PDB file of N, CA and C in Angstrom:
ATOM      1  N   MET A   1     -10.646  -5.827 -14.367  1.00  0.00           N
ATOM      2  CA  MET A   1     -10.441  -4.574 -13.659  1.00  0.00           C
ATOM      3  C   MET A   1     -10.811  -4.775 -12.191  1.00  0.00           C
ATOM      4  N   ILE A   2      -9.927  -4.316 -11.312  1.00  0.00           N
ATOM      5  CA  ILE A   2     -10.224  -4.385  -9.883  1.00  0.00           C
ATOM      6  C   ILE A   2     -10.109  -2.997  -9.265  1.00  0.00           C
ATOM      7  N   ARG A   3     -10.828  -2.813  -8.163  1.00  0.00           N
ATOM      8  CA  ARG A   3     -10.761  -1.562  -7.390  1.00  0.00           C
ATOM      9  C   ARG A   3     -10.160  -1.879  -6.029  1.00  0.00           C
ATOM     10  N   VAL A   4      -9.171  -1.070  -5.635  1.00  0.00           N
ATOM     11  CA  VAL A   4      -8.485  -1.241  -4.360  1.00  0.00           C
ATOM     12  C   VAL A   4      -8.429   0.117  -3.669  1.00  0.00           C
ATOM     13  N   LYS A   5      -8.818   0.138  -2.401  1.00  0.00           N
ATOM     14  CA  LYS A   5      -8.746   1.370  -1.608  1.00  0.00           C
ATOM     15  C   LYS A   5      -7.413   1.399  -0.865  1.00  0.00           C
ATOM     16  N   VAL A   6      -6.704   2.521  -0.951  1.00  0.00           N
ATOM     17  CA  VAL A   6      -5.426   2.697  -0.257  1.00  0.00           C
ATOM     18  C   VAL A   6      -5.588   3.846   0.722  1.00  0.00           C
ATOM     19  N   GLU A   7      -5.265   3.585   1.978  1.00  0.00           N
ATOM     20  CA  GLU A   7      -5.349   4.610   3.018  1.00  0.00           C
ATOM     21  C   GLU A   7      -3.984   4.760   3.656  1.00  0.00           C
ATOM     22  N   ILE A   8      -3.563   6.014   3.873  1.00  0.00           N
ATOM     23  CA  ILE A   8      -2.263   6.264   4.492  1.00  0.00           C
ATOM     24  C   ILE A   8      -2.456   7.001   5.811  1.00  0.00           C
ATOM     25  N   PHE A   9      -1.471   6.882   6.675  1.00  0.00           N
ATOM     26  CA  PHE A   9      -1.578   7.430   8.027  1.00  0.00           C
ATOM     27  C   PHE A   9      -0.328   8.231   8.393  1.00  0.00           C
ATOM     28  N   GLY A  10      -0.443   8.945   9.518  1.00  0.00           N
ATOM     29  CA  GLY A  10       0.690   9.652  10.100  1.00  0.00           C
ATOM     30  C   GLY A  10       1.306  10.687   9.176  1.00  0.00           C
ATOM     31  N   THR A  11       2.617  10.733   9.196  1.00  0.00           N
ATOM     32  CA  THR A  11       3.355  11.750   8.447  1.00  0.00           C
ATOM     33  C   THR A  11       3.194  11.604   6.942  1.00  0.00           C
ATOM     34  N   LEU A  12       2.807  10.441   6.469  1.00  0.00           N
ATOM     35  CA  LEU A  12       2.594  10.271   5.029  1.00  0.00           C
ATOM     36  C   LEU A  12       1.492  11.191   4.523  1.00  0.00           C
ATOM     37  N   ARG A  13       0.470  11.401   5.336  1.00  0.00           N
ATOM     38  CA  ARG A  13      -0.628  12.290   4.924  1.00  0.00           C
ATOM     39  C   ARG A  13      -0.111  13.695   4.664  1.00  0.00           C
ATOM     40  N   ASP A  14       0.756  14.180   5.555  1.00  0.00           N
ATOM     41  CA  ASP A  14       1.309  15.521   5.388  1.00  0.00           C
ATOM     42  C   ASP A  14       2.238  15.587   4.182  1.00  0.00           C
ATOM     43  N   LYS A  15       3.058  14.572   4.010  1.00  0.00           N
ATOM     44  CA  LYS A  15       4.020  14.571   2.901  1.00  0.00           C
ATOM     45  C   LYS A  15       3.342  14.472   1.545  1.00  0.00           C
ATOM     46  N   LEU A  16       2.283  13.668   1.460  1.00  0.00           N
ATOM     47  CA  LEU A  16       1.665  13.398   0.172  1.00  0.00           C
ATOM     48  C   LEU A  16       0.424  14.239  -0.103  1.00  0.00           C
ATOM     49  N   GLY A  17      -0.191  14.771   0.952  1.00  0.00           N
ATOM     50  CA  GLY A  17      -1.349  15.639   0.768  1.00  0.00           C
ATOM     51  C   GLY A  17      -2.648  14.921   0.453  1.00  0.00           C
ATOM     52  N   TRP A  18      -2.714  13.651   0.761  1.00  0.00           N
ATOM     53  CA  TRP A  18      -3.960  12.912   0.597  1.00  0.00           C
ATOM     54  C   TRP A  18      -4.086  11.878   1.711  1.00  0.00           C
ATOM     55  N   ARG A  19      -5.302  11.414   1.919  1.00  0.00           N
ATOM     56  CA  ARG A  19      -5.588  10.468   2.997  1.00  0.00           C
ATOM     57  C   ARG A  19      -5.933   9.079   2.460  1.00  0.00           C
ATOM     58  N   GLU A  20      -6.708   9.043   1.406  1.00  0.00           N
ATOM     59  CA  GLU A  20      -7.058   7.761   0.789  1.00  0.00           C
ATOM     60  C   GLU A  20      -7.324   7.962  -0.692  1.00  0.00           C
ATOM     61  N   LYS A  21      -7.107   6.896  -1.425  1.00  0.00           N
ATOM     62  CA  LYS A  21      -7.383   6.883  -2.860  1.00  0.00           C
ATOM     63  C   LYS A  21      -7.980   5.532  -3.205  1.00  0.00           C
ATOM     64  N   VAL A  22      -8.833   5.528  -4.214  1.00  0.00           N
ATOM     65  CA  VAL A  22      -9.361   4.284  -4.746  1.00  0.00           C
ATOM     66  C   VAL A  22      -8.771   4.109  -6.138  1.00  0.00           C
ATOM     67  N   LEU A  23      -8.062   3.009  -6.308  1.00  0.00           N
ATOM     68  CA  LEU A  23      -7.413   2.711  -7.583  1.00  0.00           C
ATOM     69  C   LEU A  23      -8.248   1.734  -8.384  1.00  0.00           C
ATOM     70  N   GLU A  24      -8.197   1.895  -9.677  1.00  0.00           N
ATOM     71  CA  GLU A  24      -8.749   0.892 -10.583  1.00  0.00           C
ATOM     72  C   GLU A  24      -7.574   0.335 -11.363  1.00  0.00           C
ATOM     73  N   LEU A  25      -7.298  -0.934 -11.156  1.00  0.00           N
ATOM     74  CA  LEU A  25      -6.178  -1.589 -11.824  1.00  0.00           C
ATOM     75  C   LEU A  25      -6.709  -2.538 -12.894  1.00  0.00           C
ATOM     76  N   PRO A  26      -6.129  -2.486 -14.093  1.00  0.00           N
ATOM     77  CA  PRO A  26      -6.608  -3.342 -15.179  1.00  0.00           C
ATOM     78  C   PRO A  26      -6.021  -4.752 -15.118  1.00  0.00           C
ATOM     79  N   LEU A  27      -5.877  -5.281 -13.921  1.00  0.00           N
ATOM     80  CA  LEU A  27      -5.256  -6.592 -13.735  1.00  0.00           C
ATOM     81  C   LEU A  27      -6.168  -7.482 -12.910  1.00  0.00           C
ATOM     82  N   ASP A  28      -6.266  -8.729 -13.286  1.00  0.00           N
ATOM     83  CA  ASP A  28      -7.030  -9.667 -12.474  1.00  0.00           C
ATOM     84  C   ASP A  28      -6.174 -10.257 -11.359  1.00  0.00           C
ATOM     85  N   ASN A  29      -4.874 -10.372 -11.595  1.00  0.00           N
ATOM     86  CA  ASN A  29      -3.951 -10.954 -10.617  1.00  0.00           C
ATOM     87  C   ASN A  29      -2.987  -9.897 -10.112  1.00  0.00           C
ATOM     88  N   ALA A  30      -3.515  -8.806  -9.576  1.00  0.00           N
ATOM     89  CA  ALA A  30      -2.691  -7.697  -9.109  1.00  0.00           C
ATOM     90  C   ALA A  30      -1.995  -8.053  -7.806  1.00  0.00           C
ATOM     91  N   THR A  31      -0.871  -7.384  -7.579  1.00  0.00           N
ATOM     92  CA  THR A  31      -0.104  -7.560  -6.351  1.00  0.00           C
ATOM     93  C   THR A  31       0.018  -6.223  -5.626  1.00  0.00           C
ATOM     94  N   LEU A  32       0.524  -6.288  -4.410  1.00  0.00           N
ATOM     95  CA  LEU A  32       0.802  -5.062  -3.663  1.00  0.00           C
ATOM     96  C   LEU A  32       1.784  -4.193  -4.442  1.00  0.00           C
ATOM     97  N   ALA A  33       2.746  -4.800  -5.108  1.00  0.00           N
ATOM     98  CA  ALA A  33       3.691  -4.041  -5.930  1.00  0.00           C
ATOM     99  C   ALA A  33       2.965  -3.270  -7.022  1.00  0.00           C
ATOM    100  N   ASP A  34       1.950  -3.869  -7.646  1.00  0.00           N
ATOM    101  CA  ASP A  34       1.169  -3.178  -8.673  1.00  0.00           C
ATOM    102  C   ASP A  34       0.448  -1.966  -8.092  1.00  0.00           C
ATOM    103  N   VAL A  35      -0.083  -2.123  -6.895  1.00  0.00           N
ATOM    104  CA  VAL A  35      -0.771  -1.014  -6.225  1.00  0.00           C
ATOM    105  C   VAL A  35       0.211   0.131  -6.000  1.00  0.00           C
ATOM    106  N   LEU A  36       1.386  -0.178  -5.461  1.00  0.00           N
ATOM    107  CA  LEU A  36       2.363   0.863  -5.181  1.00  0.00           C
ATOM    108  C   LEU A  36       2.931   1.465  -6.459  1.00  0.00           C
ATOM    109  N   ASN A  37       3.069   0.676  -7.508  1.00  0.00           N
ATOM    110  CA  ASN A  37       3.532   1.218  -8.786  1.00  0.00           C
ATOM    111  C   ASN A  37       2.541   2.233  -9.347  1.00  0.00           C
ATOM    112  N   ALA A  38       1.265   2.044  -9.040  1.00  0.00           N
ATOM    113  CA  ALA A  38       0.227   2.972  -9.500  1.00  0.00           C
ATOM    114  C   ALA A  38       0.219   4.267  -8.675  1.00  0.00           C
ATOM    115  N   LEU A  39       0.944   4.263  -7.559  1.00  0.00           N
ATOM    116  CA  LEU A  39       1.028   5.443  -6.690  1.00  0.00           C
ATOM    117  C   LEU A  39       2.506   5.774  -6.446  1.00  0.00           C
ATOM    118  N   PRO A  40       3.200   6.305  -7.453  1.00  0.00           N
ATOM    119  CA  PRO A  40       4.643   6.533  -7.310  1.00  0.00           C
ATOM    120  C   PRO A  40       5.007   7.490  -6.176  1.00  0.00           C
ATOM    121  N   ASP A  41       4.105   8.420  -5.839  1.00  0.00           N
ATOM    122  CA  ASP A  41       4.390   9.315  -4.724  1.00  0.00           C
ATOM    123  C   ASP A  41       4.476   8.550  -3.409  1.00  0.00           C
ATOM    124  N   LEU A  42       3.654   7.538  -3.244  1.00  0.00           N
ATOM    125  CA  LEU A  42       3.692   6.692  -2.049  1.00  0.00           C
ATOM    126  C   LEU A  42       4.831   5.684  -2.124  1.00  0.00           C
ATOM    127  N   LYS A  43       5.008   5.101  -3.278  1.00  0.00           N
ATOM    128  CA  LYS A  43       6.034   4.069  -3.463  1.00  0.00           C
ATOM    129  C   LYS A  43       7.425   4.576  -3.088  1.00  0.00           C
ATOM    130  N   GLN A  44       7.734   5.824  -3.393  1.00  0.00           N
ATOM    131  CA  GLN A  44       9.068   6.354  -3.100  1.00  0.00           C
ATOM    132  C   GLN A  44       9.424   6.268  -1.618  1.00  0.00           C
ATOM    133  N   TYR A  45       8.429   6.263  -0.755  1.00  0.00           N
ATOM    134  CA  TYR A  45       8.673   6.149   0.680  1.00  0.00           C
ATOM    135  C   TYR A  45       8.621   4.702   1.164  1.00  0.00           C
ATOM    136  N   VAL A  46       7.733   3.911   0.583  1.00  0.00           N
ATOM    137  CA  VAL A  46       7.408   2.593   1.121  1.00  0.00           C
ATOM    138  C   VAL A  46       8.321   1.476   0.612  1.00  0.00           C
ATOM    139  N   VAL A  47       8.897   1.639  -0.566  1.00  0.00           N
ATOM    140  CA  VAL A  47       9.706   0.560  -1.150  1.00  0.00           C
ATOM    141  C   VAL A  47      11.184   0.943  -1.164  1.00  0.00           C
ATOM    142  N   ARG A  48      12.001   0.034  -0.641  1.00  0.00           N
ATOM    143  CA  ARG A  48      13.460   0.183  -0.658  1.00  0.00           C
ATOM    144  C   ARG A  48      14.069  -1.146  -1.063  1.00  0.00           C
ATOM    145  N   ASP A  49      14.948  -1.109  -2.037  1.00  0.00           N
ATOM    146  CA  ASP A  49      15.683  -2.306  -2.469  1.00  0.00           C
ATOM    147  C   ASP A  49      14.755  -3.486  -2.762  1.00  0.00           C
ATOM    148  N   GLY A  50      13.623  -3.214  -3.397  1.00  0.00           N
ATOM    149  CA  GLY A  50      12.710  -4.275  -3.803  1.00  0.00           C
ATOM    150  C   GLY A  50      11.909  -4.903  -2.686  1.00  0.00           C
ATOM    151  N   ASP A  51      11.812  -4.220  -1.549  1.00  0.00           N
ATOM    152  CA  ASP A  51      11.054  -4.743  -0.408  1.00  0.00           C
ATOM    153  C   ASP A  51      10.364  -3.572   0.291  1.00  0.00           C
ATOM    154  N   ILE A  52       9.494  -3.891   1.231  1.00  0.00           N
ATOM    155  CA  ILE A  52       8.866  -2.848   2.040  1.00  0.00           C
ATOM    156  C   ILE A  52       9.942  -2.246   2.934  1.00  0.00           C
ATOM    157  N   ALA A  53      10.045  -0.923   2.911  1.00  0.00           N
ATOM    158  CA  ALA A  53      11.074  -0.221   3.669  1.00  0.00           C
ATOM    159  C   ALA A  53      10.959  -0.507   5.168  1.00  0.00           C
ATOM    160  N   GLU A  54      12.094  -0.545   5.822  1.00  0.00           N
ATOM    161  CA  GLU A  54      12.147  -0.843   7.256  1.00  0.00           C
ATOM    162  C   GLU A  54      11.293   0.148   8.043  1.00  0.00           C
ATOM    163  N   GLY A  55      10.516  -0.381   8.962  1.00  0.00           N
ATOM    164  CA  GLY A  55       9.689   0.432   9.834  1.00  0.00           C
ATOM    165  C   GLY A  55       8.280   0.681   9.319  1.00  0.00           C
ATOM    166  N   PHE A  56       8.052   0.509   8.019  1.00  0.00           N
ATOM    167  CA  PHE A  56       6.715   0.709   7.471  1.00  0.00           C
ATOM    168  C   PHE A  56       5.850  -0.517   7.745  1.00  0.00           C
ATOM    169  N   LEU A  57       4.614  -0.265   8.078  1.00  0.00           N
ATOM    170  CA  LEU A  57       3.637  -1.335   8.267  1.00  0.00           C
ATOM    171  C   LEU A  57       2.615  -1.222   7.152  1.00  0.00           C
ATOM    172  N   VAL A  58       2.449  -2.307   6.417  1.00  0.00           N
ATOM    173  CA  VAL A  58       1.481  -2.332   5.316  1.00  0.00           C
ATOM    174  C   VAL A  58       0.539  -3.505   5.565  1.00  0.00           C
ATOM    175  N   PHE A  59      -0.751  -3.199   5.560  1.00  0.00           N
ATOM    176  CA  PHE A  59      -1.777  -4.204   5.811  1.00  0.00           C
ATOM    177  C   PHE A  59      -2.700  -4.321   4.607  1.00  0.00           C
ATOM    178  N   ILE A  60      -3.106  -5.536   4.301  1.00  0.00           N
ATOM    179  CA  ILE A  60      -4.113  -5.787   3.275  1.00  0.00           C
ATOM    180  C   ILE A  60      -5.294  -6.423   3.982  1.00  0.00           C
ATOM    181  N   ASN A  61      -6.395  -5.705   4.034  1.00  0.00           N
ATOM    182  CA  ASN A  61      -7.588  -6.162   4.760  1.00  0.00           C
ATOM    183  C   ASN A  61      -7.259  -6.528   6.202  1.00  0.00           C
ATOM    184  N   GLY A  62      -6.403  -5.730   6.827  1.00  0.00           N
ATOM    185  CA  GLY A  62      -6.070  -5.930   8.233  1.00  0.00           C
ATOM    186  C   GLY A  62      -5.017  -6.985   8.505  1.00  0.00           C
ATOM    187  N   ILE A  63      -4.467  -7.608   7.478  1.00  0.00           N
ATOM    188  CA  ILE A  63      -3.429  -8.628   7.654  1.00  0.00           C
ATOM    189  C   ILE A  63      -2.110  -8.056   7.156  1.00  0.00           C
ATOM    190  N   HIS A  64      -1.089  -8.141   8.009  1.00  0.00           N
ATOM    191  CA  HIS A  64       0.229  -7.602   7.677  1.00  0.00           C
ATOM    192  C   HIS A  64       0.726  -8.211   6.373  1.00  0.00           C
ATOM    193  N   ALA A  65       1.165  -7.365   5.449  1.00  0.00           N
ATOM    194  CA  ALA A  65       1.646  -7.833   4.141  1.00  0.00           C
ATOM    195  C   ALA A  65       2.821  -8.795   4.273  1.00  0.00           C
ATOM    196  N   GLN A  66       3.564  -8.692   5.356  1.00  0.00           N
ATOM    197  CA  GLN A  66       4.692  -9.598   5.596  1.00  0.00           C
ATOM    198  C   GLN A  66       4.223 -11.057   5.605  1.00  0.00           C
ATOM    199  N   PHE A  67       3.009 -11.282   6.070  1.00  0.00           N
ATOM    200  CA  PHE A  67       2.487 -12.643   6.172  1.00  0.00           C
ATOM    201  C   PHE A  67       1.712 -13.076   4.926  1.00  0.00           C
ATOM    202  N   ARG A  68       1.659 -12.185   3.937  1.00  0.00           N
ATOM    203  CA  ARG A  68       0.924 -12.503   2.706  1.00  0.00           C
ATOM    204  C   ARG A  68       1.815 -12.490   1.473  1.00  0.00           C
ATOM    205  N   GLY A  69       3.139 -12.354   1.677  1.00  0.00           N
ATOM    206  CA  GLY A  69       4.049 -12.363   0.540  1.00  0.00           C
ATOM    207  C   GLY A  69       4.704 -11.024   0.248  1.00  0.00           C
ATOM    208  N   LYS A  70       4.600 -10.096   1.180  1.00  0.00           N
ATOM    209  CA  LYS A  70       5.179  -8.756   1.037  1.00  0.00           C
ATOM    210  C   LYS A  70       4.696  -8.102  -0.253  1.00  0.00           C
ATOM    211  N   LEU A  71       5.601  -7.628  -1.106  1.00  0.00           N
ATOM    212  CA  LEU A  71       5.194  -6.934  -2.332  1.00  0.00           C
ATOM    213  C   LEU A  71       4.524  -7.858  -3.338  1.00  0.00           C
ATOM    214  N   LYS A  72       4.713  -9.160  -3.171  1.00  0.00           N
ATOM    215  CA  LYS A  72       4.074 -10.133  -4.063  1.00  0.00           C
ATOM    216  C   LYS A  72       2.680 -10.535  -3.599  1.00  0.00           C
ATOM    217  N   ALA A  73       2.242  -9.974  -2.468  1.00  0.00           N
ATOM    218  CA  ALA A  73       0.916 -10.297  -1.936  1.00  0.00           C
ATOM    219  C   ALA A  73      -0.157  -9.942  -2.957  1.00  0.00           C
ATOM    220  N   ARG A  74      -1.077 -10.854  -3.154  1.00  0.00           N
ATOM    221  CA  ARG A  74      -2.180 -10.637  -4.099  1.00  0.00           C
ATOM    222  C   ARG A  74      -3.200  -9.673  -3.508  1.00  0.00           C
ATOM    223  N   VAL A  75      -3.722  -8.813  -4.358  1.00  0.00           N
ATOM    224  CA  VAL A  75      -4.835  -7.954  -3.978  1.00  0.00           C
ATOM    225  C   VAL A  75      -5.980  -8.241  -4.937  1.00  0.00           C
ATOM    226  N   ARG A  76      -7.169  -8.183  -4.384  1.00  0.00           N
ATOM    227  CA  ARG A  76      -8.360  -8.512  -5.168  1.00  0.00           C
ATOM    228  C   ARG A  76      -9.337  -7.343  -5.152  1.00  0.00           C
ATOM    229  N   ASP A  77     -10.321  -7.431  -5.995  1.00  0.00           N
ATOM    230  CA  ASP A  77     -11.330  -6.400  -6.074  1.00  0.00           C
ATOM    231  C   ASP A  77     -11.951  -6.160  -4.695  1.00  0.00           C
ATOM    232  N   GLY A  78     -11.985  -4.902  -4.279  1.00  0.00           N
ATOM    233  CA  GLY A  78     -12.585  -4.536  -3.000  1.00  0.00           C
ATOM    234  C   GLY A  78     -11.629  -4.554  -1.819  1.00  0.00           C
ATOM    235  N   ASP A  79     -10.379  -4.969  -2.037  1.00  0.00           N
ATOM    236  CA  ASP A  79      -9.412  -5.003  -0.933  1.00  0.00           C
ATOM    237  C   ASP A  79      -9.069  -3.593  -0.465  1.00  0.00           C
ATOM    238  N   GLU A  80      -8.626  -3.522   0.797  1.00  0.00           N
ATOM    239  CA  GLU A  80      -8.183  -2.264   1.382  1.00  0.00           C
ATOM    240  C   GLU A  80      -6.744  -2.414   1.845  1.00  0.00           C
ATOM    241  N   VAL A  81      -5.907  -1.470   1.430  1.00  0.00           N
ATOM    242  CA  VAL A  81      -4.493  -1.437   1.803  1.00  0.00           C
ATOM    243  C   VAL A  81      -4.296  -0.249   2.724  1.00  0.00           C
ATOM    244  N   ALA A  82      -3.676  -0.496   3.882  1.00  0.00           N
ATOM    245  CA  ALA A  82      -3.373   0.575   4.834  1.00  0.00           C
ATOM    246  C   ALA A  82      -1.861   0.649   5.022  1.00  0.00           C
ATOM    247  N   VAL A  83      -1.319   1.861   4.976  1.00  0.00           N
ATOM    248  CA  VAL A  83       0.126   2.058   5.095  1.00  0.00           C
ATOM    249  C   VAL A  83       0.416   3.010   6.248  1.00  0.00           C
ATOM    250  N   PHE A  84       1.247   2.526   7.182  1.00  0.00           N
ATOM    251  CA  PHE A  84       1.667   3.303   8.337  1.00  0.00           C
ATOM    252  C   PHE A  84       3.169   3.523   8.262  1.00  0.00           C
ATOM    253  N   PRO A  85       3.632   4.781   8.324  1.00  0.00           N
ATOM    254  CA  PRO A  85       5.066   5.023   8.343  1.00  0.00           C
ATOM    255  C   PRO A  85       5.633   4.690   9.723  1.00  0.00           C
ATOM    256  N   PRO A  86       6.946   4.631   9.839  1.00  0.00           N
ATOM    257  CA  PRO A  86       7.545   4.354  11.152  1.00  0.00           C
ATOM    258  C   PRO A  86       7.055   5.340  12.203  1.00  0.00           C
ATOM    259  N   GLY A  87       6.640   4.806  13.345  1.00  0.00           N
ATOM    260  CA  GLY A  87       6.207   5.631  14.467  1.00  0.00           C
ATOM    261  C   GLY A  87       4.913   6.391  14.244  1.00  0.00           C
ATOM    262  N   ALA A  88       4.061   5.918  13.345  1.00  0.00           N
ATOM    263  CA  ALA A  88       2.833   6.651  13.008  1.00  0.00           C
ATOM    264  C   ALA A  88       1.693   6.313  13.948  1.00  0.00           C
ATOM    265  N   GLY A  89       0.845   7.287  14.103  1.00  0.00           N
ATOM    266  CA  GLY A  89      -0.404   7.079  14.820  1.00  0.00           C
ATOM    267  C   GLY A  89      -1.552   7.237  13.852  1.00  0.00           C
ATOM    268  N   GLY A  90      -2.774   7.236  14.321  1.00  0.00           N
ATOM    269  CA  GLY A  90      -3.927   7.341  13.440  1.00  0.00           C
ATOM    270  C   GLY A  90      -4.491   8.694  13.437  1.00  0.00           C
TER     271      GLY A  90
END
């Protein structure tokens, strides 16, 4: 079991009505895709055609998911995922 904190920014907060969530995933080898699958309300905006939707910035512990394998990026216990929609501020 791992715990992952997910924080969202900008217009996503208004659309989804939450700012951060802590997930408990029953997987030792979880991926970013697993995190988003556990949050279908967020996934509907962030994933398009099996990839991170254009314009969205997703970071795992401050490192852009693009450089960690995109949706296949591994997440570990205690990791933090931050999601910024296109043109978002903090």
